Amino acid sequence: MWFCFVSGSERIRTGMTTSYCVVGSPIEHSLSPVLHAAAYKQLGLDIQYDKQEVVAGSLADFLDSRTYSGVSVTMPLKQEAFALADSHDKYSTATGVANTLFQAKGAWSAANTDVYGITQALATVTAPKQTLIIGSGATARSALVALSEKFPETAIAIISRNENNGQELVAFAESYGFTAGIKPANSESVLQANLVMSLVPAGSFTELWSEVAKVENPKTGTLFDVAYNPWPSKAALAWDSDRVISGIEMLIWQAIEQVQ
């Protein structure tokens, strides 16, 4: 999620319309167009923003065939976006992941605002002794960088369907000084953690959350679920606690960061 206001006042004076979009797959339920439209209207900027279905492996062709000044990038294109860019900001360099591409001097520049969004979404969370990360994709890398700044002493446990990706994420976590390891996808792994971060699309790990829901003991930790549509998610329903953070908070904080 991002906003770009370079030369915004000039566009207003000349009547030019700038176009941006969000890309990913699936993209149908993305709230980015709603948030962007509200922000641009509030700021008086003549900017169009839509959403485009772009599947993995086709981002380069999409960018070559369109005239967008910039794109927001969501699953499964964040690593692809990073690789396509000619320059990168601090957090995209740190993670190898970009959720923003924008034109700068005729070339694509990449940024990662996920790290900031996650950090702010966790603002009220007490420092966890153990953090469980469910998923091993692009968002998990951003989460680890955010955790390295906010909770550098936490131990990291990872649940991943893909063994190779899971081991790569363990190595990435260890490169930031964390103690990290793989855990089995069961309720015991989930309930041992003080902070559980579900960083996978809606509908993932349904059997795991069904198992967690059957556990009668109170869920004393905090759940952060990056999925926000539909809400409450299966994970949130299984948690059955007021200590649940929706991914919409991350989305909103990214917007605030980009407006600033």
C-alpha atoms as a PDB file:
ATOM      1  CA  MET A   1       0.000   0.000   0.000  1.00  0.00           C
ATOM      2  CA  TRP A   2       1.508   3.375  -0.902  1.00  0.00           C
ATOM      3  CA  PHE A   3       0.962   6.904  -2.084  1.00  0.00           C
ATOM      4  CA  CYS A   4       3.119   9.028  -4.376  1.00  0.00           C
ATOM      5  CA  PHE A   5       2.617  12.786  -4.435  1.00  0.00           C
ATOM      6  CA  VAL A   6       5.690  14.005  -6.307  1.00  0.00           C
ATOM      7  CA  SER A   7       4.767  17.082  -8.359  1.00  0.00           C
ATOM      8  CA  GLY A   8       1.160  16.748  -7.218  1.00  0.00           C
ATOM      9  CA  SER A   9       0.520  20.507  -7.189  1.00  0.00           C
ATOM     10  CA  GLU A  10       1.862  20.803 -10.725  1.00  0.00           C
ATOM     11  CA  ARG A  11      -0.557  18.132 -11.917  1.00  0.00           C
ATOM     12  CA  ILE A  12      -3.464  20.018 -10.367  1.00  0.00           C
ATOM     13  CA  ARG A  13      -2.474  23.261 -12.112  1.00  0.00           C
ATOM     14  CA  THR A  14      -2.037  21.668 -15.530  1.00  0.00           C
ATOM     15  CA  GLY A  15      -5.070  19.412 -15.353  1.00  0.00           C
ATOM     16  CA  MET A  16      -2.973  16.292 -15.906  1.00  0.00           C
ATOM     17  CA  THR A  17      -4.301  12.983 -14.595  1.00  0.00           C
ATOM     18  CA  THR A  18      -1.838  10.464 -13.225  1.00  0.00           C
ATOM     19  CA  SER A  19      -2.684   6.767 -13.101  1.00  0.00           C
ATOM     20  CA  TYR A  20      -1.663   4.150 -10.552  1.00  0.00           C
ATOM     21  CA  CYS A  21      -2.962   0.691  -9.729  1.00  0.00           C
ATOM     22  CA  VAL A  22      -2.575  -2.301  -7.450  1.00  0.00           C
ATOM     23  CA  VAL A  23      -1.487  -5.591  -9.021  1.00  0.00           C
ATOM     24  CA  GLY A  24      -1.610  -9.160  -7.779  1.00  0.00           C
ATOM     25  CA  SER A  25      -3.583 -12.377  -7.908  1.00  0.00           C
ATOM     26  CA  PRO A  26      -6.243 -12.722  -6.689  1.00  0.00           C
ATOM     27  CA  ILE A  27      -6.955  -8.987  -6.677  1.00  0.00           C
ATOM     28  CA  GLU A  28     -10.766  -8.829  -6.688  1.00  0.00           C
ATOM     29  CA  HIS A  29     -11.170  -8.093  -2.968  1.00  0.00           C
ATOM     30  CA  SER A  30      -8.325  -5.587  -2.593  1.00  0.00           C
ATOM     31  CA  LEU A  31      -9.256  -2.484  -0.589  1.00  0.00           C
ATOM     32  CA  SER A  32      -6.353  -0.458  -1.978  1.00  0.00           C
ATOM     33  CA  PRO A  33      -8.459   1.409  -4.578  1.00  0.00           C
ATOM     34  CA  VAL A  34     -10.910   2.517  -1.873  1.00  0.00           C
ATOM     35  CA  LEU A  35      -8.154   3.787   0.433  1.00  0.00           C
ATOM     36  CA  HIS A  36      -6.249   5.512  -2.351  1.00  0.00           C
ATOM     37  CA  ALA A  37      -9.335   7.213  -3.764  1.00  0.00           C
ATOM     38  CA  ALA A  38     -10.226   8.597  -0.336  1.00  0.00           C
ATOM     39  CA  ALA A  39      -6.715   9.930   0.242  1.00  0.00           C
ATOM     40  CA  TYR A  40      -6.389  11.541  -3.180  1.00  0.00           C
ATOM     41  CA  LYS A  41      -9.804  13.181  -2.867  1.00  0.00           C
ATOM     42  CA  GLN A  42      -8.919  14.575   0.557  1.00  0.00           C
ATOM     43  CA  LEU A  43      -5.677  16.018  -0.808  1.00  0.00           C
ATOM     44  CA  GLY A  44      -7.264  17.401  -3.971  1.00  0.00           C
ATOM     45  CA  LEU A  45      -5.098  15.358  -6.318  1.00  0.00           C
ATOM     46  CA  ASP A  46      -6.254  14.359  -9.797  1.00  0.00           C
ATOM     47  CA  ILE A  47      -5.097  10.745  -9.642  1.00  0.00           C
ATOM     48  CA  GLN A  48      -6.767   7.623 -10.971  1.00  0.00           C
ATOM     49  CA  TYR A  49      -6.176   4.327  -9.177  1.00  0.00           C
ATOM     50  CA  ASP A  50      -7.525   0.912 -10.120  1.00  0.00           C
ATOM     51  CA  LYS A  51      -6.751  -2.768  -9.645  1.00  0.00           C
ATOM     52  CA  GLN A  52      -5.359  -5.217 -12.167  1.00  0.00           C
ATOM     53  CA  GLU A  53      -5.153  -9.003 -12.048  1.00  0.00           C
ATOM     54  CA  VAL A  54      -1.527  -9.950 -12.736  1.00  0.00           C
ATOM     55  CA  VAL A  55      -0.357 -13.520 -12.182  1.00  0.00           C
ATOM     56  CA  ALA A  56       3.113 -14.631 -11.130  1.00  0.00           C
ATOM     57  CA  GLY A  57       5.708 -14.341 -13.867  1.00  0.00           C
ATOM     58  CA  SER A  58       3.860 -11.703 -15.895  1.00  0.00           C
ATOM     59  CA  LEU A  59       4.649  -8.462 -14.052  1.00  0.00           C
ATOM     60  CA  ALA A  60       7.369  -7.341 -16.475  1.00  0.00           C
ATOM     61  CA  ASP A  61       5.095  -7.775 -19.494  1.00  0.00           C
ATOM     62  CA  PHE A  62       2.302  -5.937 -17.685  1.00  0.00           C
ATOM     63  CA  LEU A  63       4.523  -2.948 -16.899  1.00  0.00           C
ATOM     64  CA  ASP A  64       5.850  -2.828 -20.461  1.00  0.00           C
ATOM     65  CA  SER A  65       2.349  -2.779 -21.923  1.00  0.00           C
ATOM     66  CA  ARG A  66       0.836  -0.072 -19.697  1.00  0.00           C
ATOM     67  CA  THR A  67       1.487   3.580 -18.883  1.00  0.00           C
ATOM     68  CA  TYR A  68       1.053   3.593 -15.117  1.00  0.00           C
ATOM     69  CA  SER A  69       3.330   5.952 -13.199  1.00  0.00           C
ATOM     70  CA  GLY A  70       3.465   3.464 -10.353  1.00  0.00           C
ATOM     71  CA  VAL A  71       1.935   0.311  -8.968  1.00  0.00           C
ATOM     72  CA  SER A  72       1.187  -1.140  -5.568  1.00  0.00           C
ATOM     73  CA  VAL A  73       2.213  -4.783  -5.444  1.00  0.00           C
ATOM     74  CA  THR A  74       0.573  -7.590  -3.515  1.00  0.00           C
ATOM     75  CA  MET A  75       0.755 -11.401  -3.496  1.00  0.00           C
ATOM     76  CA  PRO A  76       2.364 -13.166  -5.311  1.00  0.00           C
ATOM     77  CA  LEU A  77       4.459 -10.488  -7.023  1.00  0.00           C
ATOM     78  CA  LYS A  78       6.517  -8.803  -4.297  1.00  0.00           C
ATOM     79  CA  GLN A  79       9.801 -10.597  -4.938  1.00  0.00           C
ATOM     80  CA  GLU A  80       9.248 -10.289  -8.677  1.00  0.00           C
ATOM     81  CA  ALA A  81       8.766  -6.543  -8.274  1.00  0.00           C
ATOM     82  CA  PHE A  82      12.012  -6.250  -6.333  1.00  0.00           C
ATOM     83  CA  ALA A  83      13.919  -8.072  -9.073  1.00  0.00           C
ATOM     84  CA  LEU A  84      12.508  -5.816 -11.808  1.00  0.00           C
ATOM     85  CA  ALA A  85      13.482  -2.529 -10.150  1.00  0.00           C
ATOM     86  CA  ASP A  86      16.587  -0.514 -10.978  1.00  0.00           C
ATOM     87  CA  SER A  87      16.866   1.021  -7.502  1.00  0.00           C
ATOM     88  CA  HIS A  88      15.614   0.060  -4.050  1.00  0.00           C
ATOM     89  CA  ASP A  89      14.856   1.701  -0.722  1.00  0.00           C
ATOM     90  CA  LYS A  90      16.188   0.567   2.668  1.00  0.00           C
ATOM     91  CA  TYR A  91      13.512  -1.978   3.500  1.00  0.00           C
ATOM     92  CA  SER A  92      13.157  -3.498   0.052  1.00  0.00           C
ATOM     93  CA  THR A  93      16.917  -4.013   0.055  1.00  0.00           C
ATOM     94  CA  ALA A  94      16.761  -5.585   3.515  1.00  0.00           C
ATOM     95  CA  THR A  95      13.979  -8.000   2.593  1.00  0.00           C
ATOM     96  CA  GLY A  96      14.402  -8.626  -1.118  1.00  0.00           C
ATOM     97  CA  VAL A  97      10.724  -7.715  -1.347  1.00  0.00           C
ATOM     98  CA  ALA A  98       8.904  -4.698  -2.817  1.00  0.00           C
ATOM     99  CA  ASN A  99       5.257  -3.732  -2.488  1.00  0.00           C
ATOM    100  CA  THR A 100       5.736  -0.480  -4.404  1.00  0.00           C
ATOM    101  CA  LEU A 101       7.121   0.324  -7.850  1.00  0.00           C
ATOM    102  CA  PHE A 102       7.244   3.876  -9.146  1.00  0.00           C
ATOM    103  CA  GLN A 103       8.799   5.628 -12.117  1.00  0.00           C
ATOM    104  CA  ALA A 104      11.865   7.742 -11.357  1.00  0.00           C
ATOM    105  CA  LYS A 105      13.845   9.265 -14.227  1.00  0.00           C
ATOM    106  CA  GLY A 106      12.548   6.697 -16.672  1.00  0.00           C
ATOM    107  CA  ALA A 107      13.364   3.699 -14.499  1.00  0.00           C
ATOM    108  CA  TRP A 108      11.487   1.679 -11.907  1.00  0.00           C
ATOM    109  CA  SER A 109      12.286   2.258  -8.242  1.00  0.00           C
ATOM    110  CA  ALA A 110      11.186  -0.172  -5.535  1.00  0.00           C
ATOM    111  CA  ALA A 111      10.054   0.418  -1.964  1.00  0.00           C
ATOM    112  CA  ASN A 112       8.811  -1.762   0.875  1.00  0.00           C
ATOM    113  CA  THR A 113       6.227  -0.167   3.154  1.00  0.00           C
ATOM    114  CA  ASP A 114       5.101  -3.489   4.621  1.00  0.00           C
ATOM    115  CA  VAL A 115       7.774  -3.289   7.326  1.00  0.00           C
ATOM    116  CA  TYR A 116       6.412   0.006   8.627  1.00  0.00           C
ATOM    117  CA  GLY A 117       2.821  -1.207   8.382  1.00  0.00           C
ATOM    118  CA  ILE A 118       3.562  -4.327  10.414  1.00  0.00           C
ATOM    119  CA  THR A 119       5.536  -2.393  13.022  1.00  0.00           C
ATOM    120  CA  GLN A 120       2.670   0.019  13.596  1.00  0.00           C
ATOM    121  CA  ALA A 121       0.057  -2.742  13.644  1.00  0.00           C
ATOM    122  CA  LEU A 122       2.000  -4.355  16.515  1.00  0.00           C
ATOM    123  CA  ALA A 123       2.323  -1.092  18.462  1.00  0.00           C
ATOM    124  CA  THR A 124       0.245  -2.261  21.441  1.00  0.00           C
ATOM    125  CA  VAL A 125       1.760  -5.756  21.673  1.00  0.00           C
ATOM    126  CA  THR A 126       3.886  -6.603  24.711  1.00  0.00           C
ATOM    127  CA  ALA A 127       7.330  -7.950  23.855  1.00  0.00           C
ATOM    128  CA  PRO A 128       6.840 -11.682  23.163  1.00  0.00           C
ATOM    129  CA  LYS A 129       9.195 -14.371  24.405  1.00  0.00           C
ATOM    130  CA  GLN A 130       8.336 -16.485  21.357  1.00  0.00           C
ATOM    131  CA  THR A 131       6.841 -15.438  18.031  1.00  0.00           C
ATOM    132  CA  LEU A 132       5.309 -17.937  15.622  1.00  0.00           C
ATOM    133  CA  ILE A 133       5.280 -17.022  11.942  1.00  0.00           C
ATOM    134  CA  ILE A 134       2.854 -18.964   9.776  1.00  0.00           C
ATOM    135  CA  GLY A 135       3.960 -18.761   6.161  1.00  0.00           C
ATOM    136  CA  SER A 136       7.299 -18.344   4.443  1.00  0.00           C
ATOM    137  CA  GLY A 137       6.573 -15.912   1.634  1.00  0.00           C
ATOM    138  CA  ALA A 138       7.362 -12.264   1.007  1.00  0.00           C
ATOM    139  CA  THR A 139       5.317 -10.879   3.906  1.00  0.00           C
ATOM    140  CA  ALA A 140       7.153 -13.166   6.334  1.00  0.00           C
ATOM    141  CA  ARG A 141      10.442 -11.512   5.381  1.00  0.00           C
ATOM    142  CA  SER A 142       8.996  -8.071   6.026  1.00  0.00           C
ATOM    143  CA  ALA A 143       7.634  -9.293   9.356  1.00  0.00           C
ATOM    144  CA  LEU A 144      11.062 -10.519  10.448  1.00  0.00           C
ATOM    145  CA  VAL A 145      12.666  -7.175   9.660  1.00  0.00           C
ATOM    146  CA  ALA A 146       9.894  -5.422  11.607  1.00  0.00           C
ATOM    147  CA  LEU A 147      10.407  -7.807  14.539  1.00  0.00           C
ATOM    148  CA  SER A 148      14.172  -7.219  14.461  1.00  0.00           C
ATOM    149  CA  GLU A 149      13.519  -3.538  15.147  1.00  0.00           C
ATOM    150  CA  LYS A 150      10.609  -3.872  17.581  1.00  0.00           C
ATOM    151  CA  PHE A 151      11.241  -7.177  19.405  1.00  0.00           C
ATOM    152  CA  PRO A 152      14.881  -8.158  18.753  1.00  0.00           C
ATOM    153  CA  GLU A 153      14.969 -10.602  21.698  1.00  0.00           C
ATOM    154  CA  THR A 154      12.023 -12.756  20.638  1.00  0.00           C
ATOM    155  CA  ALA A 155      12.627 -16.359  19.564  1.00  0.00           C
ATOM    156  CA  ILE A 156      11.220 -17.229  16.148  1.00  0.00           C
ATOM    157  CA  ALA A 157       9.266 -20.370  15.250  1.00  0.00           C
ATOM    158  CA  ILE A 158       8.094 -20.939  11.678  1.00  0.00           C
ATOM    159  CA  ILE A 159       5.331 -23.054  10.171  1.00  0.00           C
ATOM    160  CA  SER A 160       5.736 -23.502   6.421  1.00  0.00           C
ATOM    161  CA  ARG A 161       4.081 -25.826   3.928  1.00  0.00           C
ATOM    162  CA  ASN A 162       7.188 -25.656   1.737  1.00  0.00           C
ATOM    163  CA  GLU A 163      10.205 -27.143   3.519  1.00  0.00           C
ATOM    164  CA  ASN A 164      12.815 -25.362   1.387  1.00  0.00           C
ATOM    165  CA  ASN A 165      11.128 -21.982   1.791  1.00  0.00           C
ATOM    166  CA  GLY A 166      10.846 -22.596   5.511  1.00  0.00           C
ATOM    167  CA  GLN A 167      14.546 -23.342   5.864  1.00  0.00           C
ATOM    168  CA  GLU A 168      15.419 -20.260   3.810  1.00  0.00           C
ATOM    169  CA  LEU A 169      13.290 -18.167   6.154  1.00  0.00           C
ATOM    170  CA  VAL A 170      15.037 -19.693   9.180  1.00  0.00           C
ATOM    171  CA  ALA A 171      18.381 -18.646   7.688  1.00  0.00           C
ATOM    172  CA  PHE A 172      16.992 -15.172   6.992  1.00  0.00           C
ATOM    173  CA  ALA A 173      15.815 -14.864  10.601  1.00  0.00           C
ATOM    174  CA  GLU A 174      19.187 -16.026  11.900  1.00  0.00           C
ATOM    175  CA  SER A 175      20.902 -13.387   9.770  1.00  0.00           C
ATOM    176  CA  TYR A 176      19.081 -10.816  11.929  1.00  0.00           C
ATOM    177  CA  GLY A 177      20.303 -12.429  15.130  1.00  0.00           C
ATOM    178  CA  PHE A 178      17.181 -14.417  15.962  1.00  0.00           C
ATOM    179  CA  THR A 179      17.091 -17.941  17.315  1.00  0.00           C
ATOM    180  CA  ALA A 180      14.818 -19.644  14.788  1.00  0.00           C
ATOM    181  CA  GLY A 181      13.454 -23.066  13.883  1.00  0.00           C
ATOM    182  CA  ILE A 182      10.706 -24.957  12.089  1.00  0.00           C
ATOM    183  CA  LYS A 183       7.611 -26.115  13.983  1.00  0.00           C
ATOM    184  CA  PRO A 184       4.914 -28.624  12.985  1.00  0.00           C
ATOM    185  CA  ALA A 185       1.540 -27.241  11.929  1.00  0.00           C
ATOM    186  CA  ASN A 186      -0.463 -28.149  15.029  1.00  0.00           C
ATOM    187  CA  SER A 187      -2.277 -26.421  17.871  1.00  0.00           C
ATOM    188  CA  GLU A 188       0.563 -27.017  20.318  1.00  0.00           C
ATOM    189  CA  SER A 189       2.947 -24.978  18.156  1.00  0.00           C
ATOM    190  CA  VAL A 190       0.400 -22.181  17.901  1.00  0.00           C
ATOM    191  CA  LEU A 191      -0.509 -22.004  21.572  1.00  0.00           C
ATOM    192  CA  GLN A 192       3.107 -22.043  22.784  1.00  0.00           C
ATOM    193  CA  ALA A 193       3.741 -18.655  21.159  1.00  0.00           C
ATOM    194  CA  ASN A 194       3.097 -15.285  22.786  1.00  0.00           C
ATOM    195  CA  LEU A 195       2.655 -13.682  19.359  1.00  0.00           C
ATOM    196  CA  VAL A 196       1.238 -15.586  16.391  1.00  0.00           C
ATOM    197  CA  MET A 197       1.600 -13.959  12.977  1.00  0.00           C
ATOM    198  CA  SER A 198      -0.481 -15.572  10.243  1.00  0.00           C
ATOM    199  CA  LEU A 199       1.062 -14.232   7.039  1.00  0.00           C
ATOM    200  CA  VAL A 200      -0.749 -16.308   4.449  1.00  0.00           C
ATOM    201  CA  PRO A 201      -3.782 -15.698   2.211  1.00  0.00           C
ATOM    202  CA  ALA A 202      -7.299 -16.154   3.537  1.00  0.00           C
ATOM    203  CA  GLY A 203      -8.319 -19.792   3.511  1.00  0.00           C
ATOM    204  CA  SER A 204      -4.848 -21.171   4.222  1.00  0.00           C
ATOM    205  CA  PHE A 205      -4.144 -23.688   7.004  1.00  0.00           C
ATOM    206  CA  THR A 206      -7.855 -24.316   7.604  1.00  0.00           C
ATOM    207  CA  GLU A 207      -7.179 -27.667   9.293  1.00  0.00           C
ATOM    208  CA  LEU A 208      -4.746 -26.012  11.696  1.00  0.00           C
ATOM    209  CA  TRP A 209      -7.252 -23.350  12.732  1.00  0.00           C
ATOM    210  CA  SER A 210     -10.005 -25.941  13.116  1.00  0.00           C
ATOM    211  CA  GLU A 211      -7.704 -27.792  15.522  1.00  0.00           C
ATOM    212  CA  VAL A 212      -6.899 -24.592  17.432  1.00  0.00           C
ATOM    213  CA  ALA A 213     -10.613 -23.768  17.739  1.00  0.00           C
ATOM    214  CA  LYS A 214     -11.236 -27.074  19.522  1.00  0.00           C
ATOM    215  CA  VAL A 215      -8.748 -26.266  22.285  1.00  0.00           C
ATOM    216  CA  GLU A 216     -10.752 -25.099  25.300  1.00  0.00           C
ATOM    217  CA  ASN A 217      -7.888 -23.362  27.091  1.00  0.00           C
ATOM    218  CA  PRO A 218      -7.902 -19.549  26.760  1.00  0.00           C
ATOM    219  CA  LYS A 219      -5.666 -18.119  24.042  1.00  0.00           C
ATOM    220  CA  THR A 220      -3.378 -15.890  26.085  1.00  0.00           C
ATOM    221  CA  GLY A 221      -1.146 -14.687  23.271  1.00  0.00           C
ATOM    222  CA  THR A 222      -1.814 -12.159  20.512  1.00  0.00           C
ATOM    223  CA  LEU A 223      -2.853 -13.129  16.982  1.00  0.00           C
ATOM    224  CA  PHE A 224      -1.971 -10.941  14.009  1.00  0.00           C
ATOM    225  CA  ASP A 225      -3.669 -12.128  10.816  1.00  0.00           C
ATOM    226  CA  VAL A 226      -2.569 -10.372   7.644  1.00  0.00           C
ATOM    227  CA  ALA A 227      -5.745 -11.569   5.901  1.00  0.00           C
ATOM    228  CA  TYR A 228      -8.655  -9.145   6.283  1.00  0.00           C
ATOM    229  CA  ASN A 229     -11.257 -10.261   3.762  1.00  0.00           C
ATOM    230  CA  PRO A 230     -13.463 -11.918   4.862  1.00  0.00           C
ATOM    231  CA  TRP A 231     -13.299 -10.787   8.483  1.00  0.00           C
ATOM    232  CA  PRO A 232     -13.334 -12.251  11.015  1.00  0.00           C
ATOM    233  CA  SER A 233     -11.031 -14.779   9.406  1.00  0.00           C
ATOM    234  CA  LYS A 234     -10.982 -18.461  10.305  1.00  0.00           C
ATOM    235  CA  ALA A 235      -7.869 -17.774  12.387  1.00  0.00           C
ATOM    236  CA  ALA A 236      -9.564 -14.912  14.254  1.00  0.00           C
ATOM    237  CA  LEU A 237     -12.640 -17.029  14.956  1.00  0.00           C
ATOM    238  CA  ALA A 238     -10.463 -19.856  16.254  1.00  0.00           C
ATOM    239  CA  TRP A 239      -8.594 -17.459  18.544  1.00  0.00           C
ATOM    240  CA  ASP A 240     -11.818 -16.341  20.219  1.00  0.00           C
ATOM    241  CA  SER A 241     -10.108 -13.521  22.084  1.00  0.00           C
ATOM    242  CA  ASP A 242      -9.955  -9.748  22.036  1.00  0.00           C
ATOM    243  CA  ARG A 243      -6.197 -10.000  21.438  1.00  0.00           C
ATOM    244  CA  VAL A 244      -6.538 -10.182  17.662  1.00  0.00           C
ATOM    245  CA  ILE A 245      -5.092  -7.710  15.156  1.00  0.00           C
ATOM    246  CA  SER A 246      -6.541  -7.588  11.649  1.00  0.00           C
ATOM    247  CA  GLY A 247      -4.403  -7.111   8.570  1.00  0.00           C
ATOM    248  CA  ILE A 248      -6.466  -4.020   7.775  1.00  0.00           C
ATOM    249  CA  GLU A 249      -4.433  -2.177  10.422  1.00  0.00           C
ATOM    250  CA  MET A 250      -1.248  -2.944   8.533  1.00  0.00           C
ATOM    251  CA  LEU A 251      -2.897  -1.775   5.313  1.00  0.00           C
ATOM    252  CA  ILE A 252      -4.000   1.533   6.831  1.00  0.00           C
ATOM    253  CA  TRP A 253      -0.617   2.263   8.417  1.00  0.00           C
ATOM    254  CA  GLN A 254       1.062   1.761   5.081  1.00  0.00           C
ATOM    255  CA  ALA A 255      -1.259   4.368   3.621  1.00  0.00           C
ATOM    256  CA  ILE A 256      -0.491   6.838   6.389  1.00  0.00           C
ATOM    257  CA  GLU A 257       3.249   6.352   5.936  1.00  0.00           C
ATOM    258  CA  GLN A 258       3.067   7.003   2.216  1.00  0.00           C
ATOM    259  CA  VAL A 259       0.915  10.117   2.576  1.00  0.00           C
ATOM    260  CA  GLN A 260       3.484  11.565   4.976  1.00  0.00           C
END
